[in-house]
Amino acid sequence: MRSEPGEPKPRRSASRLDALAILHPFPSILNAALVAAIVLISGGSATAAATLAGAMVTIQFSIGVTNDLADEPADRRGRPRKPLVRGDIRRGTAMALAIALGTGGLGLAASWGPIELALLAAMYGCGLAYDLGLKRRGLGWLAYAVAFPLLPAYAWFGATGEWPPRYEVLLPLAALAGPALAIANGLVDHDRDTAAGERTLVVRLGRRRALLIMATLLLVIHVAASLTLAPASVLTLVSTGGSALLAALGVVFSRGAAAPTRERGWQLQAVSIALLATAWFTAAVLQGRPSG
């Protein structure tokens, strides 16, 4: 049907911009930024930071697209603004994009080294397992718990050829951060998942218990991080305090009645974990412990 004179024409540029949401830009870019920060803090080169972070953001984009592909049936019942549901991008195009991004990210990591490739591939596998089944079985937290410790190992090893400092403490804390953020993310989709009959972890637990577990995990992570690696400078002290404040605000937002409010809570908590990680590595370097 033709538009009458004076009627606004459809904005194709807006549709293309909306389609970018299928990449899940926020967590993808945050993870890549954390990788780049760890590489640079360790003394790695800008080339290392760009390569390792580039590989990370590319596979994260692939995981994001795969997530929307897997969630499309449920999204049609509860999230009408998702790109696939709105028709901003075709399903076949999205599938091709996910494959291309995943292949490109792994190829970029392979150009840096076999260990880096193995670590990135393991994280990619965790993301795909989450998308394609673990989340709907209530086991999405397991993918997060495995993937989160791999990220600092990938970044630090890629920059230095060594494992991260105080890895015996760092990696378990990272493993706890994974389920905490998995629950925060699950709270965002709680209403939609409940309506769709999906038995995710948050649906099984209920919102109240999920919030309690999430808040407890965040408290343990921040207290343990502060006790096991004392701040070595004003910068790390401020970063650690800022991280705790963001986490607390995130918990408050995650209690919200509206999904967009709970999404802000998840985002605040994700940023708090990234900030805490950068403070950890900065303090380790300043204290003269660049390796385990």
C-alpha atoms as a PDB file:
ATOM      1  CA  MET A   1       0.000   0.000   0.000  1.00  0.00           C
ATOM      2  CA  ARG A   2       1.356   3.397  -0.958  1.00  0.00           C
ATOM      3  CA  SER A   3       1.794   6.181   1.545  1.00  0.00           C
ATOM      4  CA  GLU A   4      -0.394   9.219   1.058  1.00  0.00           C
ATOM      5  CA  PRO A   5       1.353  12.563   0.464  1.00  0.00           C
ATOM      6  CA  GLY A   6       2.470  14.028   3.763  1.00  0.00           C
ATOM      7  CA  GLU A   7       2.504  10.696   5.603  1.00  0.00           C
ATOM      8  CA  PRO A   8       5.831   9.852   7.290  1.00  0.00           C
ATOM      9  CA  LYS A   9       7.720   7.137   5.462  1.00  0.00           C
ATOM     10  CA  PRO A  10       9.042   4.114   7.356  1.00  0.00           C
ATOM     11  CA  ARG A  11      12.486   4.796   8.760  1.00  0.00           C
ATOM     12  CA  ARG A  12      14.700   2.027   7.482  1.00  0.00           C
ATOM     13  CA  SER A  13      17.669   3.375   9.402  1.00  0.00           C
ATOM     14  CA  ALA A  14      15.714   3.032  12.657  1.00  0.00           C
ATOM     15  CA  SER A  15      14.856  -0.570  11.793  1.00  0.00           C
ATOM     16  CA  ARG A  16      18.500  -1.348  11.107  1.00  0.00           C
ATOM     17  CA  LEU A  17      19.474   0.223  14.407  1.00  0.00           C
ATOM     18  CA  ASP A  18      16.830  -1.813  16.223  1.00  0.00           C
ATOM     19  CA  ALA A  19      18.187  -4.955  14.578  1.00  0.00           C
ATOM     20  CA  LEU A  20      21.541  -4.400  16.310  1.00  0.00           C
ATOM     21  CA  ALA A  21      19.870  -5.340  19.589  1.00  0.00           C
ATOM     22  CA  ILE A  22      20.142  -8.970  18.472  1.00  0.00           C
ATOM     23  CA  LEU A  23      23.884  -8.709  19.202  1.00  0.00           C
ATOM     24  CA  HIS A  24      23.183  -8.037  22.903  1.00  0.00           C
ATOM     25  CA  PRO A  25      25.598  -5.076  22.848  1.00  0.00           C
ATOM     26  CA  PHE A  26      25.736  -4.323  26.571  1.00  0.00           C
ATOM     27  CA  PRO A  27      27.138  -7.609  27.940  1.00  0.00           C
ATOM     28  CA  SER A  28      29.188  -8.203  24.794  1.00  0.00           C
ATOM     29  CA  ILE A  29      30.973  -4.856  24.933  1.00  0.00           C
ATOM     30  CA  LEU A  30      31.343  -4.992  28.726  1.00  0.00           C
ATOM     31  CA  ASN A  31      33.083  -8.380  28.549  1.00  0.00           C
ATOM     32  CA  ALA A  32      35.374  -7.171  25.779  1.00  0.00           C
ATOM     33  CA  ALA A  33      36.188  -3.992  27.706  1.00  0.00           C
ATOM     34  CA  LEU A  34      37.080  -6.070  30.760  1.00  0.00           C
ATOM     35  CA  VAL A  35      39.394  -8.239  28.665  1.00  0.00           C
ATOM     36  CA  ALA A  36      41.108  -5.148  27.252  1.00  0.00           C
ATOM     37  CA  ALA A  37      41.455  -3.627  30.726  1.00  0.00           C
ATOM     38  CA  ILE A  38      43.024  -6.783  32.181  1.00  0.00           C
ATOM     39  CA  VAL A  39      45.453  -7.045  29.274  1.00  0.00           C
ATOM     40  CA  LEU A  40      46.573  -3.432  29.663  1.00  0.00           C
ATOM     41  CA  ILE A  41      46.807  -3.649  33.470  1.00  0.00           C
ATOM     42  CA  SER A  42      49.051  -6.707  33.110  1.00  0.00           C
ATOM     43  CA  GLY A  43      51.416  -4.701  30.924  1.00  0.00           C
ATOM     44  CA  GLY A  44      50.246  -6.198  27.653  1.00  0.00           C
ATOM     45  CA  SER A  45      50.435  -4.272  24.407  1.00  0.00           C
ATOM     46  CA  ALA A  46      47.643  -2.359  22.719  1.00  0.00           C
ATOM     47  CA  THR A  47      47.782  -4.956  19.945  1.00  0.00           C
ATOM     48  CA  ALA A  48      47.182  -7.734  22.456  1.00  0.00           C
ATOM     49  CA  ALA A  49      44.301  -5.821  24.007  1.00  0.00           C
ATOM     50  CA  ALA A  50      42.694  -5.153  20.623  1.00  0.00           C
ATOM     51  CA  THR A  51      43.109  -8.726  19.388  1.00  0.00           C
ATOM     52  CA  LEU A  52      41.930 -10.506  22.531  1.00  0.00           C
ATOM     53  CA  ALA A  53      39.077  -8.072  23.164  1.00  0.00           C
ATOM     54  CA  GLY A  54      38.090  -8.200  19.496  1.00  0.00           C
ATOM     55  CA  ALA A  55      37.866 -11.981  19.607  1.00  0.00           C
ATOM     56  CA  MET A  56      35.833 -11.778  22.813  1.00  0.00           C
ATOM     57  CA  VAL A  57      33.293  -9.257  21.541  1.00  0.00           C
ATOM     58  CA  THR A  58      32.855 -11.226  18.320  1.00  0.00           C
ATOM     59  CA  ILE A  59      31.981 -14.504  20.033  1.00  0.00           C
ATOM     60  CA  GLN A  60      29.800 -12.617  22.503  1.00  0.00           C
ATOM     61  CA  PHE A  61      27.868 -11.161  19.584  1.00  0.00           C
ATOM     62  CA  SER A  62      27.466 -14.695  18.212  1.00  0.00           C
ATOM     63  CA  ILE A  63      26.188 -15.926  21.572  1.00  0.00           C
ATOM     64  CA  GLY A  64      23.739 -13.017  21.691  1.00  0.00           C
ATOM     65  CA  VAL A  65      22.333 -13.775  18.249  1.00  0.00           C
ATOM     66  CA  THR A  66      22.041 -17.471  19.109  1.00  0.00           C
ATOM     67  CA  ASN A  67      20.201 -16.550  22.293  1.00  0.00           C
ATOM     68  CA  ASP A  68      17.575 -14.614  20.356  1.00  0.00           C
ATOM     69  CA  LEU A  69      17.212 -17.448  17.856  1.00  0.00           C
ATOM     70  CA  ALA A  70      16.633 -19.956  20.649  1.00  0.00           C
ATOM     71  CA  ASP A  71      14.274 -17.643  22.545  1.00  0.00           C
ATOM     72  CA  GLU A  72      12.177 -16.557  19.562  1.00  0.00           C
ATOM     73  CA  PRO A  73       9.134 -18.770  20.341  1.00  0.00           C
ATOM     74  CA  ALA A  74       8.960 -17.486  23.927  1.00  0.00           C
ATOM     75  CA  ASP A  75       9.726 -13.921  22.852  1.00  0.00           C
ATOM     76  CA  ARG A  76       6.707 -13.958  20.527  1.00  0.00           C
ATOM     77  CA  ARG A  77       4.544 -14.433  23.616  1.00  0.00           C
ATOM     78  CA  GLY A  78       6.167 -11.893  25.894  1.00  0.00           C
ATOM     79  CA  ARG A  79       8.813  -9.678  24.250  1.00  0.00           C
ATOM     80  CA  PRO A  80       7.339  -8.173  21.077  1.00  0.00           C
ATOM     81  CA  ARG A  81      10.167  -5.644  20.663  1.00  0.00           C
ATOM     82  CA  LYS A  82      12.869  -8.253  20.064  1.00  0.00           C
ATOM     83  CA  PRO A  83      14.432  -7.926  16.573  1.00  0.00           C
ATOM     84  CA  LEU A  84      13.340 -11.350  15.285  1.00  0.00           C
ATOM     85  CA  VAL A  85       9.798 -10.857  16.555  1.00  0.00           C
ATOM     86  CA  ARG A  86       9.529  -7.365  15.044  1.00  0.00           C
ATOM     87  CA  GLY A  87      10.915  -8.580  11.743  1.00  0.00           C
ATOM     88  CA  ASP A  88      13.938  -6.270  11.908  1.00  0.00           C
ATOM     89  CA  ILE A  89      16.108  -9.206  10.832  1.00  0.00           C
ATOM     90  CA  ARG A  90      15.222 -12.510   9.184  1.00  0.00           C
ATOM     91  CA  ARG A  91      15.850 -15.784  10.964  1.00  0.00           C
ATOM     92  CA  GLY A  92      18.071 -17.124   8.178  1.00  0.00           C
ATOM     93  CA  THR A  93      20.145 -13.959   8.210  1.00  0.00           C
ATOM     94  CA  ALA A  94      20.510 -14.190  11.979  1.00  0.00           C
ATOM     95  CA  MET A  95      21.679 -17.808  11.759  1.00  0.00           C
ATOM     96  CA  ALA A  96      24.294 -16.924   9.157  1.00  0.00           C
ATOM     97  CA  LEU A  97      25.411 -13.968  11.269  1.00  0.00           C
ATOM     98  CA  ALA A  98      25.834 -16.130  14.377  1.00  0.00           C
ATOM     99  CA  ILE A  99      27.980 -18.641  12.477  1.00  0.00           C
ATOM    100  CA  ALA A 100      30.105 -15.950  10.834  1.00  0.00           C
ATOM    101  CA  LEU A 101      30.704 -14.118  14.101  1.00  0.00           C
ATOM    102  CA  GLY A 102      31.597 -17.286  15.975  1.00  0.00           C
ATOM    103  CA  THR A 103      33.998 -18.408  13.275  1.00  0.00           C
ATOM    104  CA  GLY A 104      35.587 -14.976  13.085  1.00  0.00           C
ATOM    105  CA  GLY A 105      36.082 -14.718  16.833  1.00  0.00           C
ATOM    106  CA  LEU A 106      37.696 -18.134  17.110  1.00  0.00           C
ATOM    107  CA  GLY A 107      39.897 -17.367  14.126  1.00  0.00           C
ATOM    108  CA  LEU A 108      41.076 -14.147  15.731  1.00  0.00           C
ATOM    109  CA  ALA A 109      41.953 -15.959  18.964  1.00  0.00           C
ATOM    110  CA  ALA A 110      43.768 -18.671  17.003  1.00  0.00           C
ATOM    111  CA  SER A 111      45.970 -15.999  15.459  1.00  0.00           C
ATOM    112  CA  TRP A 112      47.208 -15.138  18.953  1.00  0.00           C
ATOM    113  CA  GLY A 113      47.889 -18.638  20.258  1.00  0.00           C
ATOM    114  CA  PRO A 114      46.490 -22.143  20.904  1.00  0.00           C
ATOM    115  CA  ILE A 115      45.884 -21.620  24.637  1.00  0.00           C
ATOM    116  CA  GLU A 116      43.970 -18.427  23.963  1.00  0.00           C
ATOM    117  CA  LEU A 117      41.927 -20.260  21.327  1.00  0.00           C
ATOM    118  CA  ALA A 118      41.142 -23.092  23.742  1.00  0.00           C
ATOM    119  CA  LEU A 119      40.042 -20.705  26.499  1.00  0.00           C
ATOM    120  CA  LEU A 120      37.896 -18.635  24.152  1.00  0.00           C
ATOM    121  CA  ALA A 121      36.378 -21.761  22.599  1.00  0.00           C
ATOM    122  CA  ALA A 122      35.483 -23.015  26.083  1.00  0.00           C
ATOM    123  CA  MET A 123      33.732 -19.723  26.873  1.00  0.00           C
ATOM    124  CA  TYR A 124      31.950 -19.860  23.527  1.00  0.00           C
ATOM    125  CA  GLY A 125      30.819 -23.401  24.265  1.00  0.00           C
ATOM    126  CA  CYS A 126      29.449 -22.305  27.640  1.00  0.00           C
ATOM    127  CA  GLY A 127      27.495 -19.506  25.979  1.00  0.00           C
ATOM    128  CA  LEU A 128      26.001 -21.774  23.341  1.00  0.00           C
ATOM    129  CA  ALA A 129      25.132 -24.424  25.930  1.00  0.00           C
ATOM    130  CA  TYR A 130      23.329 -21.753  27.933  1.00  0.00           C
ATOM    131  CA  ASP A 131      21.408 -20.537  24.886  1.00  0.00           C
ATOM    132  CA  LEU A 132      20.462 -23.924  23.500  1.00  0.00           C
ATOM    133  CA  GLY A 133      19.323 -25.787  26.589  1.00  0.00           C
ATOM    134  CA  LEU A 134      20.864 -25.143  29.994  1.00  0.00           C
ATOM    135  CA  LYS A 135      18.831 -21.993  30.657  1.00  0.00           C
ATOM    136  CA  ARG A 136      15.506 -23.698  30.048  1.00  0.00           C
ATOM    137  CA  ARG A 137      16.518 -26.625  32.270  1.00  0.00           C
ATOM    138  CA  GLY A 138      17.319 -24.347  35.188  1.00  0.00           C
ATOM    139  CA  LEU A 139      21.064 -24.941  34.740  1.00  0.00           C
ATOM    140  CA  GLY A 140      22.044 -21.667  33.105  1.00  0.00           C
ATOM    141  CA  TRP A 141      23.987 -20.706  36.229  1.00  0.00           C
ATOM    142  CA  LEU A 142      26.362 -23.605  35.540  1.00  0.00           C
ATOM    143  CA  ALA A 143      27.422 -22.131  32.193  1.00  0.00           C
ATOM    144  CA  TYR A 144      28.090 -18.796  33.892  1.00  0.00           C
ATOM    145  CA  ALA A 145      30.043 -20.448  36.722  1.00  0.00           C
ATOM    146  CA  VAL A 146      32.362 -22.183  34.257  1.00  0.00           C
ATOM    147  CA  ALA A 147      32.741 -19.293  31.816  1.00  0.00           C
ATOM    148  CA  PHE A 148      33.439 -16.474  34.268  1.00  0.00           C
ATOM    149  CA  PRO A 149      36.767 -17.822  35.615  1.00  0.00           C
ATOM    150  CA  LEU A 150      37.902 -18.431  32.040  1.00  0.00           C
ATOM    151  CA  LEU A 151      37.664 -14.736  31.104  1.00  0.00           C
ATOM    152  CA  PRO A 152      40.428 -13.399  33.390  1.00  0.00           C
ATOM    153  CA  ALA A 153      42.560 -16.446  32.594  1.00  0.00           C
ATOM    154  CA  TYR A 154      42.133 -15.789  28.873  1.00  0.00           C
ATOM    155  CA  ALA A 155      43.007 -12.098  29.152  1.00  0.00           C
ATOM    156  CA  TRP A 156      45.949 -12.437  31.549  1.00  0.00           C
ATOM    157  CA  PHE A 157      47.498 -15.460  29.847  1.00  0.00           C
ATOM    158  CA  GLY A 158      47.056 -13.864  26.438  1.00  0.00           C
ATOM    159  CA  ALA A 159      48.998 -10.821  27.615  1.00  0.00           C
ATOM    160  CA  THR A 160      51.685 -12.432  29.801  1.00  0.00           C
ATOM    161  CA  GLY A 161      51.865 -16.149  29.019  1.00  0.00           C
ATOM    162  CA  GLU A 162      51.194 -16.814  32.722  1.00  0.00           C
ATOM    163  CA  TRP A 163      48.115 -17.590  34.808  1.00  0.00           C
ATOM    164  CA  PRO A 164      46.467 -14.724  36.724  1.00  0.00           C
ATOM    165  CA  PRO A 165      47.737 -13.524  40.119  1.00  0.00           C
ATOM    166  CA  ARG A 166      46.227 -15.192  43.186  1.00  0.00           C
ATOM    167  CA  TYR A 167      44.277 -17.476  40.884  1.00  0.00           C
ATOM    168  CA  GLU A 168      43.469 -19.798  43.794  1.00  0.00           C
ATOM    169  CA  VAL A 169      41.254 -17.005  45.169  1.00  0.00           C
ATOM    170  CA  LEU A 170      40.370 -15.113  42.002  1.00  0.00           C
ATOM    171  CA  LEU A 171      38.942 -18.017  40.031  1.00  0.00           C
ATOM    172  CA  PRO A 172      36.541 -19.274  42.755  1.00  0.00           C
ATOM    173  CA  LEU A 173      35.271 -15.720  43.240  1.00  0.00           C
ATOM    174  CA  ALA A 174      34.739 -15.419  39.499  1.00  0.00           C
ATOM    175  CA  ALA A 175      32.852 -18.717  39.597  1.00  0.00           C
ATOM    176  CA  LEU A 176      30.513 -17.244  42.228  1.00  0.00           C
ATOM    177  CA  ALA A 177      30.034 -14.069  40.205  1.00  0.00           C
ATOM    178  CA  GLY A 178      28.709 -16.146  37.314  1.00  0.00           C
ATOM    179  CA  PRO A 179      25.635 -17.536  39.100  1.00  0.00           C
ATOM    180  CA  ALA A 180      24.965 -14.157  40.743  1.00  0.00           C
ATOM    181  CA  LEU A 181      24.695 -12.468  37.351  1.00  0.00           C
ATOM    182  CA  ALA A 182      22.810 -15.442  35.909  1.00  0.00           C
ATOM    183  CA  ILE A 183      20.150 -14.933  38.561  1.00  0.00           C
ATOM    184  CA  ALA A 184      20.088 -11.170  37.952  1.00  0.00           C
ATOM    185  CA  ASN A 185      19.607 -11.832  34.244  1.00  0.00           C
ATOM    186  CA  GLY A 186      16.933 -14.428  34.971  1.00  0.00           C
ATOM    187  CA  LEU A 187      15.007 -11.949  37.094  1.00  0.00           C
ATOM    188  CA  VAL A 188      14.707  -9.676  34.052  1.00  0.00           C
ATOM    189  CA  ASP A 189      12.890 -12.397  32.108  1.00  0.00           C
ATOM    190  CA  HIS A 190      10.987 -13.879  35.054  1.00  0.00           C
ATOM    191  CA  ASP A 191       7.528 -12.744  33.950  1.00  0.00           C
ATOM    192  CA  ARG A 192       8.020 -13.811  30.331  1.00  0.00           C
ATOM    193  CA  ASP A 193       9.540 -17.160  31.303  1.00  0.00           C
ATOM    194  CA  THR A 194       6.726 -17.859  33.750  1.00  0.00           C
ATOM    195  CA  ALA A 195       4.089 -17.060  31.124  1.00  0.00           C
ATOM    196  CA  ALA A 196       5.876 -19.265  28.582  1.00  0.00           C
ATOM    197  CA  GLY A 197       6.077 -22.179  31.017  1.00  0.00           C
ATOM    198  CA  GLU A 198       9.881 -22.246  30.992  1.00  0.00           C
ATOM    199  CA  ARG A 199      11.496 -23.747  34.101  1.00  0.00           C
ATOM    200  CA  THR A 200      14.482 -21.442  34.420  1.00  0.00           C
ATOM    201  CA  LEU A 201      16.392 -21.213  37.700  1.00  0.00           C
ATOM    202  CA  VAL A 202      14.611 -18.034  38.796  1.00  0.00           C
ATOM    203  CA  VAL A 203      11.202 -19.499  37.944  1.00  0.00           C
ATOM    204  CA  ARG A 204      12.031 -22.598  39.997  1.00  0.00           C
ATOM    205  CA  LEU A 205      13.343 -20.584  42.935  1.00  0.00           C
ATOM    206  CA  GLY A 206      10.761 -17.822  42.875  1.00  0.00           C
ATOM    207  CA  ARG A 207      11.691 -14.147  42.865  1.00  0.00           C
ATOM    208  CA  ARG A 208      12.142 -13.787  46.624  1.00  0.00           C
ATOM    209  CA  ARG A 209      14.550 -16.691  47.051  1.00  0.00           C
ATOM    210  CA  ALA A 210      16.376 -15.789  43.850  1.00  0.00           C
ATOM    211  CA  LEU A 211      16.934 -12.242  45.110  1.00  0.00           C
ATOM    212  CA  LEU A 212      18.223 -13.519  48.450  1.00  0.00           C
ATOM    213  CA  ILE A 213      20.689 -15.926  46.844  1.00  0.00           C
ATOM    214  CA  MET A 214      21.867 -13.278  44.369  1.00  0.00           C
ATOM    215  CA  ALA A 215      22.419 -10.681  47.104  1.00  0.00           C
ATOM    216  CA  THR A 216      24.258 -13.210  49.280  1.00  0.00           C
ATOM    217  CA  LEU A 217      26.594 -14.192  46.454  1.00  0.00           C
ATOM    218  CA  LEU A 218      27.386 -10.554  45.691  1.00  0.00           C
ATOM    219  CA  LEU A 219      28.096  -9.873  49.370  1.00  0.00           C
ATOM    220  CA  VAL A 220      30.431 -12.872  49.630  1.00  0.00           C
ATOM    221  CA  ILE A 221      32.276 -11.852  46.458  1.00  0.00           C
ATOM    222  CA  HIS A 222      32.879  -8.254  47.522  1.00  0.00           C
ATOM    223  CA  VAL A 223      33.822  -9.070  51.117  1.00  0.00           C
ATOM    224  CA  ALA A 224      36.168 -11.888  50.083  1.00  0.00           C
ATOM    225  CA  ALA A 225      37.808  -9.742  47.411  1.00  0.00           C
ATOM    226  CA  SER A 226      38.410  -6.939  49.903  1.00  0.00           C
ATOM    227  CA  LEU A 227      39.830  -9.273  52.554  1.00  0.00           C
ATOM    228  CA  THR A 228      42.116 -11.282  50.294  1.00  0.00           C
ATOM    229  CA  LEU A 229      43.672  -8.434  48.341  1.00  0.00           C
ATOM    230  CA  ALA A 230      44.000  -5.192  50.285  1.00  0.00           C
ATOM    231  CA  PRO A 231      43.776  -2.026  48.163  1.00  0.00           C
ATOM    232  CA  ALA A 232      47.227  -0.858  47.110  1.00  0.00           C
ATOM    233  CA  SER A 233      46.263   2.681  46.125  1.00  0.00           C
ATOM    234  CA  VAL A 234      43.538   5.274  46.398  1.00  0.00           C
ATOM    235  CA  LEU A 235      42.395   4.240  42.915  1.00  0.00           C
ATOM    236  CA  THR A 236      41.812   0.611  43.898  1.00  0.00           C
ATOM    237  CA  LEU A 237      40.128   1.700  47.139  1.00  0.00           C
ATOM    238  CA  VAL A 238      37.720   3.936  45.232  1.00  0.00           C
ATOM    239  CA  SER A 239      37.134   1.237  42.602  1.00  0.00           C
ATOM    240  CA  THR A 240      36.360  -1.392  45.237  1.00  0.00           C
ATOM    241  CA  GLY A 241      33.997   0.950  47.078  1.00  0.00           C
ATOM    242  CA  GLY A 242      32.338   2.014  43.849  1.00  0.00           C
ATOM    243  CA  SER A 243      31.879  -1.601  42.864  1.00  0.00           C
ATOM    244  CA  ALA A 244      30.145  -2.393  46.157  1.00  0.00           C
ATOM    245  CA  LEU A 245      27.856   0.628  45.767  1.00  0.00           C
ATOM    246  CA  LEU A 246      26.885  -0.375  42.226  1.00  0.00           C
ATOM    247  CA  ALA A 247      26.191  -3.932  43.373  1.00  0.00           C
ATOM    248  CA  ALA A 248      23.922  -2.675  46.171  1.00  0.00           C
ATOM    249  CA  LEU A 249      22.043  -0.409  43.765  1.00  0.00           C
ATOM    250  CA  GLY A 250      21.758  -3.321  41.365  1.00  0.00           C
ATOM    251  CA  VAL A 251      20.094  -5.465  44.008  1.00  0.00           C
ATOM    252  CA  VAL A 252      17.601  -2.681  44.719  1.00  0.00           C
ATOM    253  CA  PHE A 253      16.750  -2.336  41.032  1.00  0.00           C
ATOM    254  CA  SER A 254      16.471  -6.118  40.641  1.00  0.00           C
ATOM    255  CA  ARG A 255      13.604  -6.005  43.155  1.00  0.00           C
ATOM    256  CA  GLY A 256      11.611  -3.764  40.811  1.00  0.00           C
ATOM    257  CA  ALA A 257       8.186  -4.751  39.548  1.00  0.00           C
ATOM    258  CA  ALA A 258       8.891  -3.813  35.917  1.00  0.00           C
ATOM    259  CA  ALA A 259      11.237  -5.795  33.682  1.00  0.00           C
ATOM    260  CA  PRO A 260      13.099  -2.673  32.434  1.00  0.00           C
ATOM    261  CA  THR A 261      13.861  -1.739  36.045  1.00  0.00           C
ATOM    262  CA  ARG A 262      15.166  -5.232  36.769  1.00  0.00           C
ATOM    263  CA  GLU A 263      17.275  -5.015  33.614  1.00  0.00           C
ATOM    264  CA  ARG A 264      18.954  -1.894  35.006  1.00  0.00           C
ATOM    265  CA  GLY A 265      19.665  -3.918  38.144  1.00  0.00           C
ATOM    266  CA  TRP A 266      21.368  -6.670  36.174  1.00  0.00           C
ATOM    267  CA  GLN A 267      23.416  -4.110  34.252  1.00  0.00           C
ATOM    268  CA  LEU A 268      24.548  -2.348  37.429  1.00  0.00           C
ATOM    269  CA  GLN A 269      25.635  -5.642  38.936  1.00  0.00           C
ATOM    270  CA  ALA A 270      27.530  -6.613  35.788  1.00  0.00           C
ATOM    271  CA  VAL A 271      29.405  -3.302  35.816  1.00  0.00           C
ATOM    272  CA  SER A 272      30.146  -3.744  39.520  1.00  0.00           C
ATOM    273  CA  ILE A 273      31.776  -7.134  38.898  1.00  0.00           C
ATOM    274  CA  ALA A 274      33.843  -5.740  36.023  1.00  0.00           C
ATOM    275  CA  LEU A 275      34.966  -2.803  38.172  1.00  0.00           C
ATOM    276  CA  LEU A 276      35.883  -5.135  41.033  1.00  0.00           C
ATOM    277  CA  ALA A 277      37.939  -7.275  38.654  1.00  0.00           C
ATOM    278  CA  THR A 278      39.904  -4.287  37.381  1.00  0.00           C
ATOM    279  CA  ALA A 279      40.556  -3.177  40.971  1.00  0.00           C
ATOM    280  CA  TRP A 280      41.766  -6.688  41.808  1.00  0.00           C
ATOM    281  CA  PHE A 281      44.265  -6.821  38.977  1.00  0.00           C
ATOM    282  CA  THR A 282      45.415  -3.244  39.530  1.00  0.00           C
ATOM    283  CA  ALA A 283      46.109  -3.953  43.202  1.00  0.00           C
ATOM    284  CA  ALA A 284      47.959  -7.160  42.325  1.00  0.00           C
ATOM    285  CA  VAL A 285      50.254  -5.324  39.930  1.00  0.00           C
ATOM    286  CA  LEU A 286      50.861  -2.424  42.330  1.00  0.00           C
ATOM    287  CA  GLN A 287      51.688  -4.861  45.117  1.00  0.00           C
ATOM    288  CA  GLY A 288      54.313  -6.458  42.919  1.00  0.00           C
ATOM    289  CA  ARG A 289      52.543  -9.765  42.326  1.00  0.00           C
ATOM    290  CA  PRO A 290      52.139  -9.985  38.546  1.00  0.00           C
ATOM    291  CA  SER A 291      52.049 -13.770  38.593  1.00  0.00           C
ATOM    292  CA  GLY A 292      50.653 -16.473  40.800  1.00  0.00           C
END
